[in-house]
C-alpha atoms as a PDB file:
ATOM      1  CA  MET A   1     -24.985  43.251  43.440  1.00  0.00           C
ATOM      2  CA  HIS A   2     -28.383  43.307  45.078  1.00  0.00           C
ATOM      3  CA  THR A   3     -30.816  41.651  42.663  1.00  0.00           C
ATOM      4  CA  SER A   4     -33.482  40.208  44.940  1.00  0.00           C
ATOM      5  CA  GLY A   5     -37.075  40.284  43.843  1.00  0.00           C
ATOM      6  CA  PHE A   6     -36.828  38.297  40.616  1.00  0.00           C
ATOM      7  CA  ALA A   7     -38.772  35.385  42.080  1.00  0.00           C
ATOM      8  CA  LYS A   8     -41.908  37.367  41.238  1.00  0.00           C
ATOM      9  CA  TRP A   9     -40.810  37.475  37.610  1.00  0.00           C
ATOM     10  CA  THR A  10     -40.253  33.729  37.572  1.00  0.00           C
ATOM     11  CA  LYS A  11     -43.809  33.345  38.872  1.00  0.00           C
ATOM     12  CA  ARG A  12     -45.165  35.697  36.196  1.00  0.00           C
ATOM     13  CA  PHE A  13     -43.401  33.821  33.412  1.00  0.00           C
ATOM     14  CA  GLU A  14     -44.586  30.477  34.780  1.00  0.00           C
ATOM     15  CA  ASP A  15     -48.162  31.717  35.091  1.00  0.00           C
ATOM     16  CA  GLU A  16     -48.062  32.966  31.521  1.00  0.00           C
ATOM     17  CA  ARG A  17     -46.682  29.623  30.336  1.00  0.00           C
ATOM     18  CA  GLU A  18     -49.641  27.848  31.921  1.00  0.00           C
ATOM     19  CA  ARG A  19     -52.071  30.357  30.442  1.00  0.00           C
ATOM     20  CA  ARG A  20     -50.637  29.718  26.966  1.00  0.00           C
ATOM     21  CA  ARG A  21     -51.009  25.982  27.433  1.00  0.00           C
ATOM     22  CA  ALA A  22     -54.637  26.399  28.432  1.00  0.00           C
ATOM     23  CA  GLN A  23     -55.326  28.792  25.561  1.00  0.00           C
ATOM     24  CA  GLY A  24     -53.737  26.634  22.901  1.00  0.00           C
ATOM     25  CA  ASP A  25     -52.319  27.714  19.561  1.00  0.00           C
ATOM     26  CA  PRO A  26     -53.989  29.933  16.987  1.00  0.00           C
ATOM     27  CA  ASP A  27     -56.137  28.174  14.412  1.00  0.00           C
ATOM     28  CA  TRP A  28     -53.451  27.337  11.886  1.00  0.00           C
ATOM     29  CA  GLU A  29     -56.059  25.992   9.462  1.00  0.00           C
ATOM     30  CA  ARG A  30     -56.848  29.583   8.583  1.00  0.00           C
ATOM     31  CA  ASN A  31     -54.921  30.732   5.555  1.00  0.00           C
ATOM     32  CA  ALA A  32     -52.849  33.886   5.937  1.00  0.00           C
ATOM     33  CA  THR A  33     -52.880  36.386   3.087  1.00  0.00           C
ATOM     34  CA  LEU A  34     -50.523  39.368   3.227  1.00  0.00           C
ATOM     35  CA  HIS A  35     -48.636  41.643   0.863  1.00  0.00           C
ATOM     36  CA  PRO A  36     -45.165  40.291  -0.050  1.00  0.00           C
ATOM     37  CA  ALA A  37     -43.507  43.257   1.702  1.00  0.00           C
ATOM     38  CA  VAL A  38     -45.251  42.348   4.981  1.00  0.00           C
ATOM     39  CA  TRP A  39     -44.230  38.715   4.605  1.00  0.00           C
ATOM     40  CA  ALA A  40     -40.624  39.848   4.116  1.00  0.00           C
ATOM     41  CA  GLY A  41     -40.750  41.797   7.370  1.00  0.00           C
ATOM     42  CA  ILE A  42     -42.170  38.832   9.266  1.00  0.00           C
ATOM     43  CA  GLN A  43     -39.392  36.646   7.901  1.00  0.00           C
ATOM     44  CA  ARG A  44     -36.754  39.026   9.281  1.00  0.00           C
ATOM     45  CA  PHE A  45     -38.360  39.322  12.694  1.00  0.00           C
ATOM     46  CA  GLN A  46     -38.706  35.539  12.867  1.00  0.00           C
ATOM     47  CA  VAL A  47     -34.933  35.235  12.483  1.00  0.00           C
ATOM     48  CA  GLY A  48     -34.424  37.717  15.325  1.00  0.00           C
ATOM     49  CA  GLU A  49     -36.677  35.757  17.667  1.00  0.00           C
ATOM     50  CA  ASN A  50     -34.984  32.450  16.898  1.00  0.00           C
ATOM     51  CA  GLY A  51     -31.831  32.496  19.062  1.00  0.00           C
ATOM     52  CA  ASP A  52     -31.012  29.894  21.695  1.00  0.00           C
ATOM     53  CA  GLY A  53     -30.261  32.520  24.356  1.00  0.00           C
ATOM     54  CA  ALA A  54     -27.262  30.583  25.669  1.00  0.00           C
ATOM     55  CA  ASN A  55     -25.044  33.663  25.961  1.00  0.00           C
ATOM     56  CA  LEU A  56     -27.645  35.620  27.914  1.00  0.00           C
ATOM     57  CA  VAL A  57     -28.403  32.658  30.190  1.00  0.00           C
ATOM     58  CA  GLY A  58     -24.704  32.207  30.911  1.00  0.00           C
ATOM     59  CA  LYS A  59     -24.277  35.851  31.885  1.00  0.00           C
ATOM     60  CA  ALA A  60     -27.440  35.721  33.996  1.00  0.00           C
ATOM     61  CA  ASP A  61     -26.064  32.726  35.898  1.00  0.00           C
ATOM     62  CA  GLU A  62     -22.774  34.537  36.451  1.00  0.00           C
ATOM     63  CA  ALA A  63     -24.697  37.386  38.097  1.00  0.00           C
ATOM     64  CA  GLY A  64     -25.270  35.071  41.053  1.00  0.00           C
ATOM     65  CA  ASP A  65     -29.039  35.365  41.470  1.00  0.00           C
ATOM     66  CA  ALA A  66     -30.745  32.013  40.945  1.00  0.00           C
ATOM     67  CA  ASP A  67     -34.202  33.600  40.647  1.00  0.00           C
ATOM     68  CA  TYR A  68     -32.982  35.940  37.928  1.00  0.00           C
ATOM     69  CA  GLY A  69     -31.295  33.090  36.080  1.00  0.00           C
ATOM     70  CA  GLN A  70     -34.519  31.086  36.084  1.00  0.00           C
ATOM     71  CA  ALA A  71     -36.541  34.100  34.944  1.00  0.00           C
ATOM     72  CA  VAL A  72     -34.112  34.625  32.050  1.00  0.00           C
ATOM     73  CA  ARG A  73     -34.551  31.003  30.974  1.00  0.00           C
ATOM     74  CA  LEU A  74     -38.308  31.500  30.913  1.00  0.00           C
ATOM     75  CA  PHE A  75     -37.876  34.741  28.970  1.00  0.00           C
ATOM     76  CA  VAL A  76     -35.743  32.932  26.376  1.00  0.00           C
ATOM     77  CA  ALA A  77     -38.403  30.225  26.114  1.00  0.00           C
ATOM     78  CA  GLU A  78     -41.012  32.878  25.332  1.00  0.00           C
ATOM     79  CA  GLU A  79     -38.788  34.369  22.636  1.00  0.00           C
ATOM     80  CA  GLN A  80     -38.349  30.925  21.112  1.00  0.00           C
ATOM     81  CA  ASN A  81     -42.112  30.489  21.175  1.00  0.00           C
ATOM     82  CA  HIS A  82     -42.404  33.753  19.255  1.00  0.00           C
ATOM     83  CA  ALA A  83     -40.084  32.323  16.608  1.00  0.00           C
ATOM     84  CA  ARG A  84     -42.255  29.193  16.449  1.00  0.00           C
ATOM     85  CA  LEU A  85     -45.465  31.207  16.096  1.00  0.00           C
ATOM     86  CA  LEU A  86     -43.985  33.347  13.328  1.00  0.00           C
ATOM     87  CA  ALA A  87     -42.668  30.258  11.534  1.00  0.00           C
ATOM     88  CA  ARG A  88     -46.131  28.697  11.668  1.00  0.00           C
ATOM     89  CA  LEU A  89     -47.661  31.956  10.416  1.00  0.00           C
ATOM     90  CA  LEU A  90     -45.227  32.012   7.503  1.00  0.00           C
ATOM     91  CA  ALA A  91     -46.102  28.392   6.737  1.00  0.00           C
ATOM     92  CA  ALA A  92     -49.806  29.295   6.772  1.00  0.00           C
ATOM     93  CA  GLY A  93     -49.040  31.781   4.017  1.00  0.00           C
ATOM     94  CA  GLY A  94     -46.803  29.411   2.078  1.00  0.00           C
ATOM     95  CA  VAL A  95     -43.747  31.567   2.834  1.00  0.00           C
ATOM     96  CA  PRO A  96     -40.419  29.996   3.907  1.00  0.00           C
ATOM     97  CA  THR A  97     -38.361  31.063   6.896  1.00  0.00           C
ATOM     98  CA  LEU A  98     -34.941  32.638   6.427  1.00  0.00           C
ATOM     99  CA  THR A  99     -31.731  31.002   7.593  1.00  0.00           C
ATOM    100  CA  GLY A 100     -30.326  34.356   8.707  1.00  0.00           C
ATOM    101  CA  HIS A 101     -30.358  38.119   8.242  1.00  0.00           C
ATOM    102  CA  TRP A 102     -27.624  40.749   8.539  1.00  0.00           C
ATOM    103  CA  SER A 103     -29.528  42.776  11.161  1.00  0.00           C
ATOM    104  CA  ASP A 104     -29.740  39.809  13.532  1.00  0.00           C
ATOM    105  CA  THR A 105     -26.039  39.071  13.059  1.00  0.00           C
ATOM    106  CA  VAL A 106     -25.138  42.659  14.005  1.00  0.00           C
ATOM    107  CA  PHE A 107     -27.321  42.594  17.130  1.00  0.00           C
ATOM    108  CA  VAL A 108     -25.927  39.273  18.309  1.00  0.00           C
ATOM    109  CA  ARG A 109     -22.338  40.459  17.913  1.00  0.00           C
ATOM    110  CA  LEU A 110     -23.032  43.713  19.753  1.00  0.00           C
ATOM    111  CA  ARG A 111     -24.734  41.896  22.612  1.00  0.00           C
ATOM    112  CA  ARG A 112     -21.746  39.613  23.099  1.00  0.00           C
ATOM    113  CA  LEU A 113     -19.135  42.380  23.230  1.00  0.00           C
ATOM    114  CA  MET A 114     -19.160  42.839  27.008  1.00  0.00           C
ATOM    115  CA  GLY A 115     -21.028  41.756  30.100  1.00  0.00           C
ATOM    116  CA  LEU A 116     -24.649  41.426  31.123  1.00  0.00           C
ATOM    117  CA  ARG A 117     -25.257  45.182  31.237  1.00  0.00           C
ATOM    118  CA  MET A 118     -24.278  45.653  27.587  1.00  0.00           C
ATOM    119  CA  GLU A 119     -26.185  42.530  26.593  1.00  0.00           C
ATOM    120  CA  LEU A 120     -29.371  43.910  28.144  1.00  0.00           C
ATOM    121  CA  LEU A 121     -28.933  47.428  26.777  1.00  0.00           C
ATOM    122  CA  VAL A 122     -28.655  46.075  23.232  1.00  0.00           C
ATOM    123  CA  LEU A 123     -31.452  43.563  23.802  1.00  0.00           C
ATOM    124  CA  MET A 124     -33.698  46.367  25.056  1.00  0.00           C
ATOM    125  CA  ILE A 125     -33.273  48.198  21.763  1.00  0.00           C
ATOM    126  CA  ALA A 126     -34.596  45.172  19.912  1.00  0.00           C
ATOM    127  CA  GLU A 127     -37.451  44.783  22.406  1.00  0.00           C
ATOM    128  CA  VAL A 128     -38.605  48.410  22.167  1.00  0.00           C
ATOM    129  CA  VAL A 129     -38.501  48.327  18.363  1.00  0.00           C
ATOM    130  CA  ALA A 130     -40.402  45.034  18.438  1.00  0.00           C
ATOM    131  CA  LEU A 131     -43.161  46.565  20.566  1.00  0.00           C
ATOM    132  CA  ARG A 132     -43.967  49.076  17.831  1.00  0.00           C
ATOM    133  CA  TYR A 133     -43.590  46.562  15.009  1.00  0.00           C
ATOM    134  CA  TYR A 134     -45.934  43.967  16.514  1.00  0.00           C
ATOM    135  CA  ARG A 135     -48.485  46.667  17.325  1.00  0.00           C
ATOM    136  CA  ALA A 136     -48.398  47.717  13.670  1.00  0.00           C
ATOM    137  CA  LEU A 137     -48.709  44.089  12.566  1.00  0.00           C
ATOM    138  CA  ARG A 138     -51.632  43.486  14.934  1.00  0.00           C
ATOM    139  CA  ASP A 139     -53.580  46.605  13.977  1.00  0.00           C
ATOM    140  CA  GLY A 140     -52.567  47.191  10.370  1.00  0.00           C
ATOM    141  CA  THR A 141     -53.829  44.080   8.603  1.00  0.00           C
ATOM    142  CA  ASP A 142     -57.232  42.554   7.920  1.00  0.00           C
ATOM    143  CA  ASP A 143     -55.783  39.040   8.164  1.00  0.00           C
ATOM    144  CA  SER A 144     -57.222  37.490  11.348  1.00  0.00           C
ATOM    145  CA  LEU A 145     -54.486  34.878  11.837  1.00  0.00           C
ATOM    146  CA  THR A 146     -51.723  37.478  11.534  1.00  0.00           C
ATOM    147  CA  SER A 147     -53.486  39.779  13.998  1.00  0.00           C
ATOM    148  CA  ASP A 148     -53.909  36.889  16.436  1.00  0.00           C
ATOM    149  CA  VAL A 149     -50.236  35.915  16.303  1.00  0.00           C
ATOM    150  CA  ALA A 150     -49.047  39.525  16.574  1.00  0.00           C
ATOM    151  CA  ALA A 151     -51.328  40.171  19.566  1.00  0.00           C
ATOM    152  CA  ARG A 152     -49.950  37.160  21.434  1.00  0.00           C
ATOM    153  CA  ILE A 153     -46.351  38.208  20.840  1.00  0.00           C
ATOM    154  CA  LEU A 154     -47.059  41.836  21.712  1.00  0.00           C
ATOM    155  CA  SER A 155     -48.585  40.793  25.033  1.00  0.00           C
ATOM    156  CA  ASP A 156     -45.360  38.977  25.924  1.00  0.00           C
ATOM    157  CA  GLU A 157     -43.136  41.851  24.792  1.00  0.00           C
ATOM    158  CA  GLN A 158     -45.038  44.237  27.041  1.00  0.00           C
ATOM    159  CA  ARG A 159     -43.889  42.129  30.001  1.00  0.00           C
ATOM    160  CA  HIS A 160     -40.345  41.695  28.718  1.00  0.00           C
ATOM    161  CA  VAL A 161     -39.512  45.401  28.712  1.00  0.00           C
ATOM    162  CA  PRO A 162     -40.235  46.059  32.421  1.00  0.00           C
ATOM    163  CA  PHE A 163     -38.458  42.785  33.282  1.00  0.00           C
ATOM    164  CA  HIS A 164     -35.277  44.025  31.617  1.00  0.00           C
ATOM    165  CA  CYS A 165     -35.789  47.523  33.039  1.00  0.00           C
ATOM    166  CA  GLU A 166     -35.707  46.112  36.557  1.00  0.00           C
ATOM    167  CA  ARG A 167     -32.452  44.271  35.977  1.00  0.00           C
ATOM    168  CA  LEU A 168     -30.864  47.258  34.247  1.00  0.00           C
ATOM    169  CA  HIS A 169     -31.892  49.437  37.192  1.00  0.00           C
ATOM    170  CA  ALA A 170     -29.902  47.147  39.477  1.00  0.00           C
ATOM    171  CA  SER A 171     -26.990  47.009  37.027  1.00  0.00           C
ATOM    172  CA  LEU A 172     -26.709  50.758  36.540  1.00  0.00           C
ATOM    173  CA  ALA A 173     -26.778  51.222  40.312  1.00  0.00           C
ATOM    174  CA  GLU A 174     -23.213  49.872  40.248  1.00  0.00           C
ATOM    175  CA  LEU A 175     -22.082  52.877  38.221  1.00  0.00           C
ATOM    176  CA  PRO A 176     -21.364  56.353  39.637  1.00  0.00           C
ATOM    177  CA  ARG A 177     -24.606  58.317  39.814  1.00  0.00           C
ATOM    178  CA  ALA A 178     -23.338  60.986  37.407  1.00  0.00           C
ATOM    179  CA  THR A 179     -22.801  58.422  34.643  1.00  0.00           C
ATOM    180  CA  ARG A 180     -26.159  56.659  34.764  1.00  0.00           C
ATOM    181  CA  ARG A 181     -28.250  59.139  32.811  1.00  0.00           C
ATOM    182  CA  PRO A 182     -25.566  59.691  30.142  1.00  0.00           C
ATOM    183  CA  VAL A 183     -25.507  55.920  29.589  1.00  0.00           C
ATOM    184  CA  MET A 184     -29.238  55.935  28.959  1.00  0.00           C
ATOM    185  CA  VAL A 185     -29.016  59.012  26.722  1.00  0.00           C
ATOM    186  CA  LEU A 186     -26.498  57.127  24.588  1.00  0.00           C
ATOM    187  CA  TRP A 187     -28.898  54.176  24.608  1.00  0.00           C
ATOM    188  CA  GLN A 188     -31.677  56.442  23.317  1.00  0.00           C
ATOM    189  CA  LEU A 189     -29.438  57.703  20.520  1.00  0.00           C
ATOM    190  CA  LEU A 190     -28.571  54.160  19.481  1.00  0.00           C
ATOM    191  CA  LEU A 191     -32.258  53.221  19.635  1.00  0.00           C
ATOM    192  CA  LEU A 192     -33.017  56.146  17.324  1.00  0.00           C
ATOM    193  CA  VAL A 193     -30.378  55.015  14.844  1.00  0.00           C
ATOM    194  CA  VAL A 194     -31.681  51.441  14.900  1.00  0.00           C
ATOM    195  CA  SER A 195     -35.291  52.572  14.464  1.00  0.00           C
ATOM    196  CA  LEU A 196     -34.246  54.608  11.426  1.00  0.00           C
ATOM    197  CA  VAL A 197     -32.515  51.570   9.929  1.00  0.00           C
ATOM    198  CA  VAL A 198     -35.533  49.355  10.623  1.00  0.00           C
ATOM    199  CA  ALA A 199     -37.890  51.976   9.165  1.00  0.00           C
ATOM    200  CA  ALA A 200     -35.790  52.171   6.014  1.00  0.00           C
ATOM    201  CA  ASP A 201     -35.507  48.392   5.719  1.00  0.00           C
ATOM    202  CA  HIS A 202     -39.206  47.755   6.416  1.00  0.00           C
ATOM    203  CA  GLY A 203     -40.617  50.874   4.763  1.00  0.00           C
ATOM    204  CA  PRO A 204     -42.811  49.090   2.177  1.00  0.00           C
ATOM    205  CA  ALA A 205     -44.231  46.800   4.867  1.00  0.00           C
ATOM    206  CA  LEU A 206     -44.884  49.676   7.276  1.00  0.00           C
ATOM    207  CA  ARG A 207     -46.809  51.551   4.584  1.00  0.00           C
ATOM    208  CA  ARG A 208     -48.951  48.452   4.016  1.00  0.00           C
ATOM    209  CA  LEU A 209     -49.585  48.345   7.775  1.00  0.00           C
ATOM    210  CA  ASP A 210     -50.782  51.974   7.800  1.00  0.00           C
ATOM    211  CA  THR A 211     -47.861  53.116   9.919  1.00  0.00           C
ATOM    212  CA  GLY A 212     -45.202  54.629   7.670  1.00  0.00           C
ATOM    213  CA  ARG A 213     -41.517  55.227   8.327  1.00  0.00           C
ATOM    214  CA  LEU A 214     -41.727  58.585  10.102  1.00  0.00           C
ATOM    215  CA  ARG A 215     -44.551  57.531  12.390  1.00  0.00           C
ATOM    216  CA  PHE A 216     -42.728  54.325  13.277  1.00  0.00           C
ATOM    217  CA  VAL A 217     -39.542  56.194  14.233  1.00  0.00           C
ATOM    218  CA  ALA A 218     -41.451  58.883  16.119  1.00  0.00           C
ATOM    219  CA  ASP A 219     -43.419  56.324  18.128  1.00  0.00           C
ATOM    220  CA  VAL A 220     -40.278  54.352  19.041  1.00  0.00           C
ATOM    221  CA  ALA A 221     -38.516  57.550  20.107  1.00  0.00           C
ATOM    222  CA  ALA A 222     -41.512  58.632  22.183  1.00  0.00           C
ATOM    223  CA  SER A 223     -41.595  55.304  24.020  1.00  0.00           C
ATOM    224  CA  SER A 224     -37.913  55.512  24.926  1.00  0.00           C
ATOM    225  CA  GLY A 225     -38.470  58.191  27.558  1.00  0.00           C
ATOM    226  CA  ALA A 226     -40.668  55.916  29.635  1.00  0.00           C
ATOM    227  CA  VAL A 227     -38.064  53.159  29.418  1.00  0.00           C
ATOM    228  CA  VAL A 228     -35.282  55.490  30.563  1.00  0.00           C
ATOM    229  CA  SER A 229     -37.393  56.655  33.501  1.00  0.00           C
ATOM    230  CA  ALA A 230     -38.137  53.051  34.444  1.00  0.00           C
ATOM    231  CA  VAL A 231     -34.467  52.106  34.391  1.00  0.00           C
ATOM    232  CA  LEU A 232     -33.317  55.133  36.388  1.00  0.00           C
ATOM    233  CA  SER A 233     -36.186  55.353  38.872  1.00  0.00           C
ATOM    234  CA  PRO A 234     -36.438  53.365  42.110  1.00  0.00           C
ATOM    235  CA  ARG A 235     -39.650  51.775  40.776  1.00  0.00           C
ATOM    236  CA  PRO A 236     -38.840  50.423  37.318  1.00  0.00           C
ATOM    237  CA  ASP A 237     -41.794  48.035  37.475  1.00  0.00           C
ATOM    238  CA  ALA A 238     -44.062  51.078  36.999  1.00  0.00           C
ATOM    239  CA  TRP A 239     -43.229  51.130  33.280  1.00  0.00           C
ATOM    240  CA  THR A 240     -46.172  50.872  30.958  1.00  0.00           C
ATOM    241  CA  SER A 241     -46.567  51.029  27.187  1.00  0.00           C
ATOM    242  CA  ALA A 242     -49.309  51.786  24.734  1.00  0.00           C
ATOM    243  CA  ASP A 243     -51.009  48.628  23.558  1.00  0.00           C
END
Protein backbone atom coordinates (compact mmCIF):
# COMPACT_ATOMS: atom_id res chain seq x y z
CA MET A 1 0.00 0.00 0.00
CA HIS A 2 1.21 3.47 -0.84
CA THR A 3 1.20 5.48 2.39
CA SER A 4 3.93 8.05 1.84
CA GLY A 5 3.45 11.54 3.16
CA PHE A 6 3.01 10.80 6.86
CA ALA A 7 6.34 12.40 7.74
CA LYS A 8 4.49 15.73 7.64
CA TRP A 9 2.09 14.42 10.27
CA THR A 10 4.97 13.33 12.48
CA LYS A 11 6.33 16.87 12.19
CA ARG A 12 2.93 18.37 13.06
CA PHE A 13 2.56 16.18 16.13
CA GLU A 14 6.11 16.96 17.24
CA ASP A 15 5.59 20.69 16.75
CA GLU A 16 2.41 20.53 18.79
CA ARG A 17 4.20 18.62 21.54
CA GLU A 18 6.78 21.39 21.78
CA ARG A 19 4.08 24.05 21.77
CA ARG A 20 2.34 22.31 24.68
CA ARG A 21 5.58 22.18 26.62
CA ALA A 22 6.13 25.89 26.09
CA GLN A 23 2.54 26.72 27.00
CA GLY A 24 2.48 24.67 30.17
CA ASP A 25 -0.53 23.20 31.94
CA PRO A 26 -3.73 25.00 32.85
CA ASP A 27 -3.78 26.70 36.24
CA TRP A 28 -4.88 23.76 38.35
CA GLU A 29 -5.12 25.99 41.43
CA ARG A 30 -8.43 27.22 40.06
CA ASN A 31 -11.33 25.28 41.48
CA ALA A 32 -13.72 23.71 38.99
CA THR A 33 -17.44 23.91 39.72
CA LEU A 34 -19.86 22.02 37.48
CA HIS A 35 -23.24 20.33 37.70
CA PRO A 36 -22.99 16.65 38.75
CA ALA A 37 -24.36 15.55 35.35
CA VAL A 38 -21.50 17.36 33.57
CA TRP A 39 -18.96 15.81 35.92
CA ALA A 40 -20.41 12.37 35.11
CA GLY A 41 -19.93 12.99 31.40
CA ILE A 42 -16.33 14.09 31.90
CA GLN A 43 -15.66 10.95 33.90
CA ARG A 44 -16.87 8.77 31.01
CA PHE A 45 -14.88 10.63 28.38
CA GLN A 46 -11.78 10.44 30.57
CA VAL A 47 -12.05 6.64 30.53
CA GLY A 48 -12.29 6.68 26.73
CA GLU A 49 -9.14 8.78 26.39
CA ASN A 50 -7.14 6.59 28.75
CA GLY A 51 -6.08 3.62 26.59
CA ASP A 52 -2.47 2.61 25.97
CA GLY A 53 -2.95 2.42 22.20
CA ALA A 54 -0.84 -0.73 21.91
CA ASN A 55 -3.24 -2.46 19.52
CA LEU A 56 -3.38 0.52 17.17
CA VAL A 57 0.40 0.99 17.27
CA GLY A 58 0.93 -2.68 16.46
CA LYS A 59 -1.36 -2.52 13.44
CA ALA A 60 0.27 0.73 12.30
CA ASP A 61 3.69 -0.94 12.42
CA GLU A 62 2.37 -3.89 10.44
CA ALA A 63 1.29 -1.47 7.69
CA GLY A 64 4.97 -1.05 6.85
CA ASP A 65 5.27 2.75 6.87
CA ALA A 66 7.70 3.92 9.54
CA ASP A 67 6.52 7.54 9.30
CA TYR A 68 2.92 6.49 9.85
CA GLY A 69 3.90 4.29 12.79
CA GLN A 70 5.71 7.19 14.45
CA ALA A 71 2.79 9.54 13.81
CA VAL A 72 0.42 7.03 15.42
CA ARG A 73 2.63 6.88 18.51
CA LEU A 74 2.47 10.65 18.79
CA PHE A 75 -1.30 10.56 18.30
CA VAL A 76 -1.63 8.03 21.13
CA ALA A 77 0.53 10.25 23.34
CA GLU A 78 -1.85 13.15 22.71
CA GLU A 79 -4.84 10.99 23.62
CA GLN A 80 -3.11 9.97 26.83
CA ASN A 81 -2.45 13.63 27.57
CA HIS A 82 -6.18 14.26 27.15
CA ALA A 83 -6.85 11.59 29.77
CA ARG A 84 -4.34 13.27 32.09
CA LEU A 85 -5.90 16.71 31.60
CA LEU A 86 -9.39 15.37 32.27
CA ALA A 87 -8.17 13.51 35.36
CA ARG A 88 -6.61 16.71 36.68
CA LEU A 89 -9.83 18.61 35.91
CA LEU A 90 -11.84 16.02 37.82
CA ALA A 91 -9.41 16.32 40.73
CA ALA A 92 -9.83 20.11 40.68
CA GLY A 93 -13.53 19.53 41.23
CA GLY A 94 -13.03 16.85 43.87
CA VAL A 95 -14.47 14.19 41.55
CA PRO A 96 -12.82 10.75 41.19
CA THR A 97 -11.97 9.07 37.91
CA LEU A 98 -13.74 5.88 36.85
CA THR A 99 -11.97 2.56 36.48
CA GLY A 100 -14.02 1.72 33.38
CA HIS A 101 -17.26 2.26 31.48
CA TRP A 102 -19.34 -0.04 29.28
CA SER A 103 -19.17 2.30 26.27
CA ASP A 104 -15.37 2.24 26.22
CA THR A 105 -15.35 -1.55 26.52
CA VAL A 106 -17.65 -1.87 23.49
CA PHE A 107 -15.52 0.48 21.38
CA VAL A 108 -12.29 -1.29 22.26
CA ARG A 109 -13.72 -4.69 21.36
CA LEU A 110 -15.09 -3.42 18.05
CA ARG A 111 -11.78 -1.81 17.14
CA ARG A 112 -9.91 -5.06 17.71
CA LEU A 113 -12.19 -7.23 15.58
CA MET A 114 -10.22 -6.89 12.34
CA GLY A 115 -7.33 -5.00 10.82
CA LEU A 116 -6.18 -1.40 10.73
CA ARG A 117 -9.01 -0.26 8.45
CA MET A 118 -11.70 -1.40 10.90
CA GLU A 119 -9.72 -0.02 13.83
CA LEU A 120 -9.62 3.42 12.23
CA LEU A 121 -13.25 3.40 11.11
CA VAL A 122 -14.39 2.70 14.68
CA LEU A 123 -11.87 5.14 16.13
CA MET A 124 -13.13 7.84 13.77
CA ILE A 125 -16.63 7.47 15.19
CA ALA A 126 -15.30 8.22 18.66
CA GLU A 127 -13.25 11.15 17.33
CA VAL A 128 -16.16 12.79 15.49
CA VAL A 129 -18.44 12.43 18.51
CA ALA A 130 -15.67 13.84 20.71
CA LEU A 131 -15.37 16.92 18.50
CA ARG A 132 -18.96 17.90 19.24
CA TYR A 133 -18.75 16.98 22.92
CA TYR A 134 -15.62 19.02 23.63
CA ARG A 135 -17.05 21.98 21.72
CA ALA A 136 -20.13 21.80 23.95
CA LEU A 137 -17.95 21.52 27.05
CA ARG A 138 -15.80 24.48 25.96
CA ASP A 139 -18.70 26.78 25.10
CA GLY A 140 -21.45 25.63 27.44
CA THR A 141 -20.01 26.31 30.88
CA ASP A 142 -18.98 29.41 32.81
CA ASP A 143 -16.18 27.49 34.54
CA SER A 144 -12.90 28.90 33.17
CA LEU A 145 -10.75 25.86 33.98
CA THR A 146 -13.18 23.48 32.27
CA SER A 147 -13.33 25.72 29.19
CA ASP A 148 -9.54 25.88 29.08
CA VAL A 149 -9.12 22.10 29.26
CA ALA A 150 -11.87 21.46 26.70
CA ALA A 151 -10.37 24.01 24.28
CA ARG A 152 -6.96 22.34 24.44
CA ILE A 153 -8.41 18.89 23.77
CA LEU A 154 -10.67 20.17 21.00
CA SER A 155 -7.69 21.75 19.23
CA ASP A 156 -5.95 18.36 19.18
CA GLU A 157 -9.07 16.50 18.02
CA GLN A 158 -9.41 18.87 15.08
CA ARG A 159 -6.02 17.62 13.87
CA HIS A 160 -6.73 13.98 14.64
CA VAL A 161 -9.70 13.69 12.29
CA PRO A 162 -7.88 14.74 9.09
CA PHE A 163 -4.91 12.57 10.14
CA HIS A 164 -7.14 9.50 10.25
CA CYS A 165 -8.97 10.60 7.10
CA GLU A 166 -5.70 10.54 5.18
CA ARG A 167 -4.85 7.03 6.29
CA LEU A 168 -8.38 5.77 5.62
CA HIS A 169 -8.20 7.29 2.14
CA ALA A 170 -5.14 5.15 1.45
CA SER A 171 -6.75 2.10 3.05
CA LEU A 172 -10.01 2.32 1.13
CA ALA A 173 -8.05 2.70 -2.10
CA GLU A 174 -7.29 -1.01 -1.74
CA LEU A 175 -10.98 -1.83 -2.11
CA PRO A 176 -12.88 -1.95 -5.42
CA ARG A 177 -14.08 1.54 -6.30
CA ALA A 178 -17.75 0.51 -6.19
CA THR A 179 -17.48 -0.57 -2.55
CA ARG A 180 -15.78 2.51 -1.11
CA ARG A 181 -18.77 4.80 -0.78
CA PRO A 182 -21.04 2.05 0.60
CA VAL A 183 -18.43 1.42 3.30
CA MET A 184 -18.56 5.06 4.31
CA VAL A 185 -22.37 5.14 4.18
CA LEU A 186 -22.38 2.24 6.64
CA TRP A 187 -19.88 4.19 8.74
CA GLN A 188 -22.25 7.17 8.78
CA LEU A 189 -25.13 4.96 9.90
CA LEU A 190 -23.05 3.53 12.73
CA LEU A 191 -21.95 7.04 13.69
CA LEU A 192 -25.62 8.06 13.85
CA VAL A 193 -26.45 5.13 16.11
CA VAL A 194 -23.51 5.91 18.40
CA SER A 195 -24.41 9.61 18.57
CA LEU A 196 -27.95 8.67 19.58
CA VAL A 197 -26.62 6.42 22.34
CA VAL A 198 -24.23 9.13 23.56
CA ALA A 199 -27.01 11.74 23.45
CA ALA A 200 -29.26 9.49 25.51
CA ASP A 201 -26.50 8.65 27.98
CA HIS A 202 -25.30 12.26 28.34
CA GLY A 203 -28.66 13.99 27.95
CA PRO A 204 -28.70 15.73 31.36
CA ALA A 205 -25.14 16.98 30.83
CA LEU A 206 -25.86 18.19 27.30
CA ARG A 207 -28.85 20.19 28.55
CA ARG A 208 -26.62 21.82 31.16
CA LEU A 209 -24.17 22.68 28.36
CA ASP A 210 -26.92 24.38 26.32
CA THR A 211 -26.72 21.80 23.56
CA GLY A 212 -29.48 19.24 24.04
CA ARG A 213 -29.82 15.73 22.65
CA LEU A 214 -31.34 16.54 19.26
CA ARG A 215 -28.90 19.32 18.49
CA PHE A 216 -25.97 17.12 19.48
CA VAL A 217 -27.08 14.31 17.16
CA ALA A 218 -27.89 16.70 14.32
CA ASP A 219 -24.50 18.41 14.56
CA VAL A 220 -22.62 15.09 14.60
CA ALA A 221 -24.60 13.87 11.58
CA ALA A 222 -23.96 17.12 9.72
CA SER A 223 -20.21 16.85 10.29
CA SER A 224 -20.08 13.30 8.94
CA GLY A 225 -20.52 14.41 5.34
CA ALA A 226 -17.30 16.39 5.39
CA VAL A 227 -15.46 13.41 6.86
CA VAL A 228 -16.78 11.07 4.16
CA SER A 229 -15.74 13.52 1.45
CA ALA A 230 -12.27 13.80 2.99
CA VAL A 231 -11.83 10.04 3.09
CA LEU A 232 -13.06 9.46 -0.47
CA SER A 233 -11.49 12.49 -2.15
CA PRO A 234 -7.92 12.67 -3.46
CA ARG A 235 -7.26 15.53 -1.00
CA PRO A 236 -8.39 14.31 2.41
CA ASP A 237 -6.21 16.89 4.14
CA ALA A 238 -8.72 19.54 3.00
CA TRP A 239 -11.11 18.48 5.77
CA THR A 240 -12.13 21.19 8.16
CA SER A 241 -14.54 21.36 11.08
CA ALA A 242 -16.45 24.01 12.93
CA ASP A 243 -14.57 25.16 16.00
